[in-house]
């Protein structure tokens, strides 16, 4: 699908790389237009980065995702380009070797 128009006449456009959706432009051609871009690791089918731009094309927010060797998400860093605030969420996974060695699970 290249674009769609809702009942109010608002157009949403879609852009693609050969194997994935790479951008969505909401309210295309209006003063409220917002562009979202997606960067993926095609081989692993993993989202690496998501960026949101304002109607003037200025970056508002970016999110970078990091994965371990098994493809599990280990970090998600969101940056507010307007305020400069950076938030990082980290994920930890129980490794079988640690469990076998008697490590206890902890919830935080």
PDB file of N, CA and C in Angstrom:
ATOM      1  N   UNK A   1       0.855  -1.156   0.000  1.00  0.00           N
ATOM      2  CA  UNK A   1       0.000   0.000   0.000  1.00  0.00           C
ATOM      3  C   UNK A   1       0.911   1.232   0.000  1.00  0.00           C
ATOM      4  N   UNK A   2       0.673   2.154  -0.892  1.00  0.00           N
ATOM      5  CA  UNK A   2       1.461   3.383  -0.976  1.00  0.00           C
ATOM      6  C   UNK A   2       0.875   4.509  -0.136  1.00  0.00           C
ATOM      7  N   UNK A   3      -0.466   4.538  -0.056  1.00  0.00           N
ATOM      8  CA  UNK A   3      -1.124   5.574   0.741  1.00  0.00           C
ATOM      9  C   UNK A   3      -2.553   5.161   1.030  1.00  0.00           C
ATOM     10  N   UNK A   4      -3.136   5.833   2.016  1.00  0.00           N
ATOM     11  CA  UNK A   4      -4.552   5.638   2.302  1.00  0.00           C
ATOM     12  C   UNK A   4      -5.126   6.975   2.749  1.00  0.00           C
ATOM     13  N   UNK A   5      -6.413   7.145   2.517  1.00  0.00           N
ATOM     14  CA  UNK A   5      -7.113   8.362   2.903  1.00  0.00           C
ATOM     15  C   UNK A   5      -8.256   7.968   3.824  1.00  0.00           C
ATOM     16  N   UNK A   6      -8.328   8.599   4.994  1.00  0.00           N
ATOM     17  CA  UNK A   6      -9.397   8.265   5.930  1.00  0.00           C
ATOM     18  C   UNK A   6     -10.670   9.043   5.591  1.00  0.00           C
ATOM     19  N   UNK A   7     -11.703   8.838   6.372  1.00  0.00           N
ATOM     20  CA  UNK A   7     -13.005   9.470   6.104  1.00  0.00           C
ATOM     21  C   UNK A   7     -12.944  10.989   6.142  1.00  0.00           C
ATOM     22  N   UNK A   8     -12.011  11.530   6.911  1.00  0.00           N
ATOM     23  CA  UNK A   8     -11.871  12.987   7.015  1.00  0.00           C
ATOM     24  C   UNK A   8     -11.030  13.563   5.876  1.00  0.00           C
ATOM     25  N   UNK A   9     -10.518  12.683   5.010  1.00  0.00           N
ATOM     26  CA  UNK A   9      -9.704  13.136   3.890  1.00  0.00           C
ATOM     27  C   UNK A   9      -8.223  13.252   4.206  1.00  0.00           C
ATOM     28  N   UNK A  10      -7.818  12.792   5.381  1.00  0.00           N
ATOM     29  CA  UNK A  10      -6.411  12.857   5.775  1.00  0.00           C
ATOM     30  C   UNK A  10      -5.643  11.712   5.119  1.00  0.00           C
ATOM     31  N   UNK A  11      -4.528  12.059   4.493  1.00  0.00           N
ATOM     32  CA  UNK A  11      -3.733  11.078   3.755  1.00  0.00           C
ATOM     33  C   UNK A  11      -2.559  10.597   4.604  1.00  0.00           C
ATOM     34  N   UNK A  12      -2.367   9.281   4.627  1.00  0.00           N
ATOM     35  CA  UNK A  12      -1.199   8.666   5.243  1.00  0.00           C
ATOM     36  C   UNK A  12      -0.436   7.969   4.131  1.00  0.00           C
ATOM     37  N   UNK A  13       0.862   8.288   4.014  1.00  0.00           N
ATOM     38  CA  UNK A  13       1.696   7.686   2.970  1.00  0.00           C
ATOM     39  C   UNK A  13       2.669   6.693   3.595  1.00  0.00           C
ATOM     40  N   UNK A  14       3.024   5.675   2.814  1.00  0.00           N
ATOM     41  CA  UNK A  14       3.917   4.623   3.268  1.00  0.00           C
ATOM     42  C   UNK A  14       5.088   4.505   2.309  1.00  0.00           C
ATOM     43  N   UNK A  15       6.294   4.336   2.871  1.00  0.00           N
ATOM     44  CA  UNK A  15       7.495   4.143   2.067  1.00  0.00           C
ATOM     45  C   UNK A  15       8.137   2.823   2.479  1.00  0.00           C
ATOM     46  N   UNK A  16       8.764   2.158   1.508  1.00  0.00           N
ATOM     47  CA  UNK A  16       9.293   0.826   1.757  1.00  0.00           C
ATOM     48  C   UNK A  16      10.731   0.680   1.284  1.00  0.00           C
ATOM     49  N   UNK A  17      11.490  -0.124   2.012  1.00  0.00           N
ATOM     50  CA  UNK A  17      12.737  -0.687   1.526  1.00  0.00           C
ATOM     51  C   UNK A  17      12.324  -2.003   0.877  1.00  0.00           C
ATOM     52  N   UNK A  18      13.223  -2.694   0.219  1.00  0.00           N
ATOM     53  CA  UNK A  18      12.803  -3.927  -0.453  1.00  0.00           C
ATOM     54  C   UNK A  18      12.099  -4.946   0.446  1.00  0.00           C
ATOM     55  N   UNK A  19      12.454  -4.996   1.740  1.00  0.00           N
ATOM     56  CA  UNK A  19      11.874  -6.033   2.594  1.00  0.00           C
ATOM     57  C   UNK A  19      11.091  -5.523   3.798  1.00  0.00           C
ATOM     58  N   UNK A  20      10.952  -4.202   3.947  1.00  0.00           N
ATOM     59  CA  UNK A  20      10.219  -3.715   5.117  1.00  0.00           C
ATOM     60  C   UNK A  20       9.699  -2.300   4.920  1.00  0.00           C
ATOM     61  N   UNK A  21       8.733  -1.941   5.750  1.00  0.00           N
ATOM     62  CA  UNK A  21       8.187  -0.588   5.794  1.00  0.00           C
ATOM     63  C   UNK A  21       9.246   0.321   6.411  1.00  0.00           C
ATOM     64  N   UNK A  22       9.659   1.366   5.691  1.00  0.00           N
ATOM     65  CA  UNK A  22      10.741   2.223   6.181  1.00  0.00           C
ATOM     66  C   UNK A  22      10.273   3.585   6.670  1.00  0.00           C
ATOM     67  N   UNK A  23       9.065   4.017   6.275  1.00  0.00           N
ATOM     68  CA  UNK A  23       8.582   5.322   6.738  1.00  0.00           C
ATOM     69  C   UNK A  23       7.069   5.408   6.611  1.00  0.00           C
ATOM     70  N   UNK A  24       6.483   6.183   7.510  1.00  0.00           N
ATOM     71  CA  UNK A  24       5.057   6.512   7.470  1.00  0.00           C
ATOM     72  C   UNK A  24       4.961   8.023   7.579  1.00  0.00           C
ATOM     73  N   UNK A  25       4.191   8.631   6.693  1.00  0.00           N
ATOM     74  CA  UNK A  25       3.958  10.070   6.753  1.00  0.00           C
ATOM     75  C   UNK A  25       2.478  10.266   7.043  1.00  0.00           C
ATOM     76  N   UNK A  26       2.177  10.710   8.256  1.00  0.00           N
ATOM     77  CA  UNK A  26       0.790  10.927   8.676  1.00  0.00           C
ATOM     78  C   UNK A  26       0.384  12.352   8.350  1.00  0.00           C
ATOM     79  N   UNK A  27      -0.872  12.546   7.981  1.00  0.00           N
ATOM     80  CA  UNK A  27      -1.401  13.869   7.621  1.00  0.00           C
ATOM     81  C   UNK A  27      -0.538  14.503   6.535  1.00  0.00           C
ATOM     82  N   UNK A  28      -0.166  13.699   5.541  1.00  0.00           N
ATOM     83  CA  UNK A  28       0.735  14.144   4.474  1.00  0.00           C
ATOM     84  C   UNK A  28       0.217  15.397   3.784  1.00  0.00           C
ATOM     85  N   UNK A  29       1.125  16.348   3.605  1.00  0.00           N
ATOM     86  CA  UNK A  29       0.795  17.571   2.896  1.00  0.00           C
ATOM     87  C   UNK A  29       0.053  18.613   3.704  1.00  0.00           C
ATOM     88  N   UNK A  30      -0.086  18.392   5.014  1.00  0.00           N
ATOM     89  CA  UNK A  30      -0.790  19.357   5.868  1.00  0.00           C
ATOM     90  C   UNK A  30       0.190  19.971   6.863  1.00  0.00           C
ATOM     91  N   UNK A  31      -0.269  20.979   7.573  1.00  0.00           N
ATOM     92  CA  UNK A  31       0.567  21.617   8.597  1.00  0.00           C
ATOM     93  C   UNK A  31       0.823  20.682   9.775  1.00  0.00           C
ATOM     94  N   UNK A  32       0.028  19.626   9.918  1.00  0.00           N
ATOM     95  CA  UNK A  32       0.181  18.667  11.015  1.00  0.00           C
ATOM     96  C   UNK A  32       0.993  17.438  10.609  1.00  0.00           C
ATOM     97  N   UNK A  33       1.565  17.451   9.432  1.00  0.00           N
ATOM     98  CA  UNK A  33       2.292  16.289   8.927  1.00  0.00           C
ATOM     99  C   UNK A  33       3.336  15.809   9.929  1.00  0.00           C
ATOM    100  N   UNK A  34       3.424  14.497  10.084  1.00  0.00           N
ATOM    101  CA  UNK A  34       4.423  13.882  10.957  1.00  0.00           C
ATOM    102  C   UNK A  34       5.033  12.700  10.225  1.00  0.00           C
ATOM    103  N   UNK A  35       6.354  12.630  10.217  1.00  0.00           N
ATOM    104  CA  UNK A  35       7.059  11.543   9.541  1.00  0.00           C
ATOM    105  C   UNK A  35       7.704  10.635  10.578  1.00  0.00           C
ATOM    106  N   UNK A  36       7.536   9.334  10.380  1.00  0.00           N
ATOM    107  CA  UNK A  36       8.194   8.339  11.216  1.00  0.00           C
ATOM    108  C   UNK A  36       9.060   7.483  10.308  1.00  0.00           C
ATOM    109  N   UNK A  37      10.289   7.237  10.726  1.00  0.00           N
ATOM    110  CA  UNK A  37      11.198   6.399   9.948  1.00  0.00           C
ATOM    111  C   UNK A  37      11.627   5.200  10.784  1.00  0.00           C
ATOM    112  N   UNK A  38      11.831   4.081  10.097  1.00  0.00           N
ATOM    113  CA  UNK A  38      12.209   2.832  10.747  1.00  0.00           C
ATOM    114  C   UNK A  38      13.460   2.283  10.073  1.00  0.00           C
ATOM    115  N   UNK A  39      14.438   1.868  10.879  1.00  0.00           N
ATOM    116  CA  UNK A  39      15.642   1.225  10.364  1.00  0.00           C
ATOM    117  C   UNK A  39      15.666  -0.177  10.948  1.00  0.00           C
ATOM    118  N   UNK A  40      15.799  -1.170  10.078  1.00  0.00           N
ATOM    119  CA  UNK A  40      15.752  -2.561  10.523  1.00  0.00           C
ATOM    120  C   UNK A  40      17.016  -3.306  10.120  1.00  0.00           C
ATOM    121  N   UNK A  41      17.357  -4.313  10.893  1.00  0.00           N
ATOM    122  CA  UNK A  41      18.358  -5.297  10.501  1.00  0.00           C
ATOM    123  C   UNK A  41      17.576  -6.355   9.740  1.00  0.00           C
ATOM    124  N   UNK A  42      17.744  -6.368   8.440  1.00  0.00           N
ATOM    125  CA  UNK A  42      16.938  -7.248   7.594  1.00  0.00           C
ATOM    126  C   UNK A  42      17.212  -8.713   7.906  1.00  0.00           C
ATOM    127  N   UNK A  43      18.473  -9.069   8.102  1.00  0.00           N
ATOM    128  CA  UNK A  43      18.824 -10.467   8.344  1.00  0.00           C
ATOM    129  C   UNK A  43      18.184 -11.006   9.620  1.00  0.00           C
ATOM    130  N   UNK A  44      18.091 -10.164  10.642  1.00  0.00           N
ATOM    131  CA  UNK A  44      17.531 -10.598  11.925  1.00  0.00           C
ATOM    132  C   UNK A  44      16.085 -10.163  12.116  1.00  0.00           C
ATOM    133  N   UNK A  45      15.546  -9.417  11.156  1.00  0.00           N
ATOM    134  CA  UNK A  45      14.187  -8.880  11.238  1.00  0.00           C
ATOM    135  C   UNK A  45      13.986  -8.125  12.555  1.00  0.00           C
ATOM    136  N   UNK A  46      14.973  -7.297  12.890  1.00  0.00           N
ATOM    137  CA  UNK A  46      14.939  -6.566  14.157  1.00  0.00           C
ATOM    138  C   UNK A  46      14.911  -5.065  13.898  1.00  0.00           C
ATOM    139  N   UNK A  47      14.057  -4.372  14.627  1.00  0.00           N
ATOM    140  CA  UNK A  47      14.016  -2.917  14.554  1.00  0.00           C
ATOM    141  C   UNK A  47      15.237  -2.362  15.278  1.00  0.00           C
ATOM    142  N   UNK A  48      16.019  -1.518  14.595  1.00  0.00           N
ATOM    143  CA  UNK A  48      17.217  -0.923  15.183  1.00  0.00           C
ATOM    144  C   UNK A  48      16.988   0.508  15.632  1.00  0.00           C
ATOM    145  N   UNK A  49      16.191   1.248  14.851  1.00  0.00           N
ATOM    146  CA  UNK A  49      15.961   2.651  15.185  1.00  0.00           C
ATOM    147  C   UNK A  49      14.602   3.100  14.676  1.00  0.00           C
ATOM    148  N   UNK A  50      13.967   3.979  15.457  1.00  0.00           N
ATOM    149  CA  UNK A  50      12.681   4.591  15.106  1.00  0.00           C
ATOM    150  C   UNK A  50      12.833   6.082  15.349  1.00  0.00           C
ATOM    151  N   UNK A  51      12.572   6.884  14.311  1.00  0.00           N
ATOM    152  CA  UNK A  51      12.711   8.338  14.427  1.00  0.00           C
ATOM    153  C   UNK A  51      11.385   9.007  14.092  1.00  0.00           C
ATOM    154  N   UNK A  52      11.069  10.082  14.823  1.00  0.00           N
ATOM    155  CA  UNK A  52       9.851  10.859  14.583  1.00  0.00           C
ATOM    156  C   UNK A  52      10.254  12.299  14.306  1.00  0.00           C
ATOM    157  N   UNK A  53       9.702  12.848  13.221  1.00  0.00           N
ATOM    158  CA  UNK A  53      10.007  14.213  12.800  1.00  0.00           C
ATOM    159  C   UNK A  53       8.762  15.083  12.877  1.00  0.00           C
ATOM    160  N   UNK A  54       8.968  16.379  13.140  1.00  0.00           N
ATOM    161  CA  UNK A  54       7.849  17.320  13.185  1.00  0.00           C
ATOM    162  C   UNK A  54       7.472  17.763  11.768  1.00  0.00           C
ATOM    163  N   UNK A  55       6.424  18.576  11.628  1.00  0.00           N
ATOM    164  CA  UNK A  55       5.977  19.001  10.299  1.00  0.00           C
ATOM    165  C   UNK A  55       7.047  19.727   9.473  1.00  0.00           C
ATOM    166  N   UNK A  56       8.041  20.317  10.131  1.00  0.00           N
ATOM    167  CA  UNK A  56       9.100  21.027   9.401  1.00  0.00           C
ATOM    168  C   UNK A  56      10.289  20.128   9.079  1.00  0.00           C
ATOM    169  N   UNK A  57      10.192  18.854   9.431  1.00  0.00           N
ATOM    170  CA  UNK A  57      11.265  17.910   9.154  1.00  0.00           C
ATOM    171  C   UNK A  57      12.350  17.868  10.208  1.00  0.00           C
ATOM    172  N   UNK A  58      12.099  18.489  11.348  1.00  0.00           N
ATOM    173  CA  UNK A  58      13.077  18.486  12.440  1.00  0.00           C
ATOM    174  C   UNK A  58      12.847  17.265  13.330  1.00  0.00           C
ATOM    175  N   UNK A  59      13.930  16.579  13.671  1.00  0.00           N
ATOM    176  CA  UNK A  59      13.834  15.400  14.526  1.00  0.00           C
ATOM    177  C   UNK A  59      13.274  15.778  15.888  1.00  0.00           C
ATOM    178  N   UNK A  60      12.216  15.071  16.310  1.00  0.00           N
ATOM    179  CA  UNK A  60      11.621  15.283  17.635  1.00  0.00           C
ATOM    180  C   UNK A  60      12.051  14.209  18.615  1.00  0.00           C
ATOM    181  N   UNK A  61      12.123  12.969  18.129  1.00  0.00           N
ATOM    182  CA  UNK A  61      12.401  11.848  19.031  1.00  0.00           C
ATOM    183  C   UNK A  61      13.076  10.728  18.261  1.00  0.00           C
ATOM    184  N   UNK A  62      14.021  10.077  18.908  1.00  0.00           N
ATOM    185  CA  UNK A  62      14.611   8.880  18.310  1.00  0.00           C
ATOM    186  C   UNK A  62      14.681   7.789  19.367  1.00  0.00           C
ATOM    187  N   UNK A  63      14.509   6.571  18.909  1.00  0.00           N
ATOM    188  CA  UNK A  63      14.603   5.407  19.778  1.00  0.00           C
ATOM    189  C   UNK A  63      15.564   4.428  19.124  1.00  0.00           C
ATOM    190  N   UNK A  64      16.579   3.999  19.870  1.00  0.00           N
ATOM    191  CA  UNK A  64      17.562   3.040  19.374  1.00  0.00           C
ATOM    192  C   UNK A  64      17.431   1.770  20.202  1.00  0.00           C
ATOM    193  N   UNK A  65      17.349   0.637  19.514  1.00  0.00           N
ATOM    194  CA  UNK A  65      17.217  -0.651  20.188  1.00  0.00           C
ATOM    195  C   UNK A  65      18.488  -1.464  19.989  1.00  0.00           C
ATOM    196  N   UNK A  66      18.913  -2.145  21.061  1.00  0.00           N
ATOM    197  CA  UNK A  66      20.126  -2.949  21.036  1.00  0.00           C
ATOM    198  C   UNK A  66      19.757  -4.379  21.417  1.00  0.00           C
ATOM    199  N   UNK A  67      20.419  -5.342  20.771  1.00  0.00           N
ATOM    200  CA  UNK A  67      20.097  -6.756  20.962  1.00  0.00           C
ATOM    201  C   UNK A  67      21.350  -7.542  21.330  1.00  0.00           C
ATOM    202  N   UNK A  68      21.146  -8.660  22.030  1.00  0.00           N
ATOM    203  CA  UNK A  68      22.265  -9.557  22.304  1.00  0.00           C
ATOM    204  C   UNK A  68      22.425 -10.525  21.130  1.00  0.00           C
ATOM    205  N   UNK A  69      23.368 -11.450  21.249  1.00  0.00           N
ATOM    206  CA  UNK A  69      23.654 -12.380  20.164  1.00  0.00           C
ATOM    207  C   UNK A  69      22.517 -13.320  19.816  1.00  0.00           C
ATOM    208  N   UNK A  70      21.564 -13.489  20.731  1.00  0.00           N
ATOM    209  CA  UNK A  70      20.416 -14.361  20.461  1.00  0.00           C
ATOM    210  C   UNK A  70      19.216 -13.590  19.942  1.00  0.00           C
ATOM    211  N   UNK A  71      19.404 -12.288  19.714  1.00  0.00           N
ATOM    212  CA  UNK A  71      18.311 -11.482  19.175  1.00  0.00           C
ATOM    213  C   UNK A  71      17.347 -10.967  20.222  1.00  0.00           C
ATOM    214  N   UNK A  72      17.695 -11.088  21.499  1.00  0.00           N
ATOM    215  CA  UNK A  72      16.851 -10.561  22.571  1.00  0.00           C
ATOM    216  C   UNK A  72      17.186  -9.089  22.785  1.00  0.00           C
ATOM    217  N   UNK A  73      16.164  -8.264  22.910  1.00  0.00           N
ATOM    218  CA  UNK A  73      16.387  -6.835  23.124  1.00  0.00           C
ATOM    219  C   UNK A  73      16.993  -6.625  24.507  1.00  0.00           C
ATOM    220  N   UNK A  74      18.151  -5.969  24.555  1.00  0.00           N
ATOM    221  CA  UNK A  74      18.802  -5.727  25.843  1.00  0.00           C
ATOM    222  C   UNK A  74      18.765  -4.257  26.253  1.00  0.00           C
ATOM    223  N   UNK A  75      18.489  -3.363  25.312  1.00  0.00           N
ATOM    224  CA  UNK A  75      18.394  -1.945  25.672  1.00  0.00           C
ATOM    225  C   UNK A  75      17.519  -1.208  24.669  1.00  0.00           C
ATOM    226  N   UNK A  76      16.839  -0.197  25.199  1.00  0.00           N
ATOM    227  CA  UNK A  76      16.006   0.687  24.382  1.00  0.00           C
ATOM    228  C   UNK A  76      16.302   2.099  24.883  1.00  0.00           C
ATOM    229  N   UNK A  77      16.918   2.906  24.028  1.00  0.00           N
ATOM    230  CA  UNK A  77      17.288   4.266  24.413  1.00  0.00           C
ATOM    231  C   UNK A  77      16.453   5.249  23.615  1.00  0.00           C
ATOM    232  N   UNK A  78      15.694   6.051  24.332  1.00  0.00           N
ATOM    233  CA  UNK A  78      14.810   7.037  23.710  1.00  0.00           C
ATOM    234  C   UNK A  78      15.364   8.428  24.010  1.00  0.00           C
ATOM    235  N   UNK A  79      15.545   9.215  22.953  1.00  0.00           N
ATOM    236  CA  UNK A  79      16.068  10.569  23.093  1.00  0.00           C
ATOM    237  C   UNK A  79      15.030  11.566  22.614  1.00  0.00           C
ATOM    238  N   UNK A  80      14.697  12.513  23.474  1.00  0.00           N
ATOM    239  CA  UNK A  80      13.811  13.612  23.103  1.00  0.00           C
ATOM    240  C   UNK A  80      14.712  14.699  22.530  1.00  0.00           C
ATOM    241  N   UNK A  81      14.664  14.895  21.219  1.00  0.00           N
ATOM    242  CA  UNK A  81      15.552  15.854  20.559  1.00  0.00           C
ATOM    243  C   UNK A  81      15.219  17.294  20.922  1.00  0.00           C
ATOM    244  N   UNK A  82      14.017  17.540  21.407  1.00  0.00           N
ATOM    245  CA  UNK A  82      13.610  18.896  21.782  1.00  0.00           C
ATOM    246  C   UNK A  82      14.210  19.280  23.133  1.00  0.00           C
ATOM    247  N   UNK A  83      14.089  18.389  24.116  1.00  0.00           N
ATOM    248  CA  UNK A  83      14.560  18.695  25.474  1.00  0.00           C
ATOM    249  C   UNK A  83      15.954  18.147  25.765  1.00  0.00           C
ATOM    250  N   UNK A  84      16.393  17.180  24.967  1.00  0.00           N
ATOM    251  CA  UNK A  84      17.678  16.546  25.213  1.00  0.00           C
ATOM    252  C   UNK A  84      17.628  15.440  26.249  1.00  0.00           C
ATOM    253  N   UNK A  85      16.450  15.145  26.769  1.00  0.00           N
ATOM    254  CA  UNK A  85      16.300  14.093  27.779  1.00  0.00           C
ATOM    255  C   UNK A  85      16.506  12.729  27.123  1.00  0.00           C
ATOM    256  N   UNK A  86      17.342  11.906  27.750  1.00  0.00           N
ATOM    257  CA  UNK A  86      17.628  10.557  27.264  1.00  0.00           C
ATOM    258  C   UNK A  86      17.177   9.566  28.323  1.00  0.00           C
ATOM    259  N   UNK A  87      16.415   8.580  27.902  1.00  0.00           N
ATOM    260  CA  UNK A  87      15.952   7.525  28.810  1.00  0.00           C
ATOM    261  C   UNK A  87      16.377   6.181  28.232  1.00  0.00           C
ATOM    262  N   UNK A  88      16.957   5.338  29.075  1.00  0.00           N
ATOM    263  CA  UNK A  88      17.369   4.013  28.635  1.00  0.00           C
ATOM    264  C   UNK A  88      16.713   2.962  29.516  1.00  0.00           C
ATOM    265  N   UNK A  89      16.107   1.992  28.882  1.00  0.00           N
ATOM    266  CA  UNK A  89      15.519   0.842  29.557  1.00  0.00           C
ATOM    267  C   UNK A  89      16.388  -0.357  29.200  1.00  0.00           C
ATOM    268  N   UNK A  90      16.860  -1.063  30.210  1.00  0.00           N
ATOM    269  CA  UNK A  90      17.709  -2.231  29.970  1.00  0.00           C
ATOM    270  C   UNK A  90      16.971  -3.499  30.388  1.00  0.00           C
ATOM    271  N   UNK A  91      17.152  -4.532  29.591  1.00  0.00           N
ATOM    272  CA  UNK A  91      16.573  -5.838  29.882  1.00  0.00           C
ATOM    273  C   UNK A  91      17.704  -6.808  30.194  1.00  0.00           C
ATOM    274  N   UNK A  92      17.490  -7.655  31.181  1.00  0.00           N
ATOM    275  CA  UNK A  92      18.442  -8.710  31.495  1.00  0.00           C
ATOM    276  C   UNK A  92      17.716 -10.039  31.404  1.00  0.00           C
ATOM    277  N   UNK A  93      18.435 -11.042  30.964  1.00  0.00           N
ATOM    278  CA  UNK A  93      17.853 -12.360  30.786  1.00  0.00           C
ATOM    279  C   UNK A  93      18.616 -13.368  31.629  1.00  0.00           C
ATOM    280  N   UNK A  94      17.901 -14.333  32.175  1.00  0.00           N
ATOM    281  CA  UNK A  94      18.525 -15.398  32.951  1.00  0.00           C
ATOM    282  C   UNK A  94      19.239 -16.341  31.992  1.00  0.00           C
ATOM    283  N   UNK A  95      20.517 -16.517  32.222  1.00  0.00           N
ATOM    284  CA  UNK A  95      21.295 -17.440  31.402  1.00  0.00           C
ATOM    285  C   UNK A  95      21.270 -18.810  32.070  1.00  0.00           C
ATOM    286  N   UNK A  96      21.173 -19.853  31.274  1.00  0.00           N
ATOM    287  CA  UNK A  96      21.078 -21.202  31.815  1.00  0.00           C
ATOM    288  C   UNK A  96      22.279 -21.543  32.686  1.00  0.00           C
ATOM    289  N   UNK A  97      23.463 -21.120  32.282  1.00  0.00           N
ATOM    290  CA  UNK A  97      24.667 -21.423  33.071  1.00  0.00           C
ATOM    291  C   UNK A  97      24.563 -20.818  34.473  1.00  0.00           C
ATOM    292  N   UNK A  98      24.034 -19.618  34.587  1.00  0.00           N
ATOM    293  CA  UNK A  98      23.881 -18.977  35.900  1.00  0.00           C
ATOM    294  C   UNK A  98      22.852 -19.715  36.746  1.00  0.00           C
ATOM    295  N   UNK A  99      21.771 -20.137  36.129  1.00  0.00           N
ATOM    296  CA  UNK A  99      20.758 -20.895  36.866  1.00  0.00           C
ATOM    297  C   UNK A  99      21.320 -22.232  37.334  1.00  0.00           C
ATOM    298  N   UNK A 100      22.072 -22.893  36.451  1.00  0.00           N
ATOM    299  CA  UNK A 100      22.687 -24.171  36.813  1.00  0.00           C
ATOM    300  C   UNK A 100      23.661 -24.010  37.974  1.00  0.00           C
ATOM    301  N   UNK A 101      24.290 -22.841  38.079  1.00  0.00           N
ATOM    302  CA  UNK A 101      25.252 -22.573  39.152  1.00  0.00           C
ATOM    303  C   UNK A 101      24.564 -22.139  40.437  1.00  0.00           C
ATOM    304  N   UNK A 102      23.233 -22.054  40.427  1.00  0.00           N
ATOM    305  CA  UNK A 102      22.491 -21.727  41.632  1.00  0.00           C
ATOM    306  C   UNK A 102      22.126 -20.268  41.790  1.00  0.00           C
ATOM    307  N   UNK A 103      22.312 -19.482  40.765  1.00  0.00           N
ATOM    308  CA  UNK A 103      21.938 -18.068  40.856  1.00  0.00           C
ATOM    309  C   UNK A 103      20.429 -17.956  41.037  1.00  0.00           C
ATOM    310  N   UNK A 104      20.034 -17.061  41.908  1.00  0.00           N
ATOM    311  CA  UNK A 104      18.609 -16.861  42.171  1.00  0.00           C
ATOM    312  C   UNK A 104      18.057 -15.778  41.250  1.00  0.00           C
ATOM    313  N   UNK A 105      16.814 -15.947  40.894  1.00  0.00           N
ATOM    314  CA  UNK A 105      16.147 -14.919  40.102  1.00  0.00           C
ATOM    315  C   UNK A 105      15.830 -13.735  40.993  1.00  0.00           C
ATOM    316  N   UNK A 106      15.971 -12.554  40.459  1.00  0.00           N
ATOM    317  CA  UNK A 106      15.598 -11.362  41.226  1.00  0.00           C
ATOM    318  C   UNK A 106      14.666 -10.518  40.380  1.00  0.00           C
ATOM    319  N   UNK A 107      13.705  -9.938  41.036  1.00  0.00           N
ATOM    320  CA  UNK A 107      12.731  -9.092  40.346  1.00  0.00           C
ATOM    321  C   UNK A 107      12.959  -7.669  40.810  1.00  0.00           C
ATOM    322  N   UNK A 108      12.965  -6.745  39.873  1.00  0.00           N
ATOM    323  CA  UNK A 108      13.223  -5.374  40.269  1.00  0.00           C
ATOM    324  C   UNK A 108      12.228  -4.413  39.728  1.00  0.00           C
TER     325      UNK A 108
END
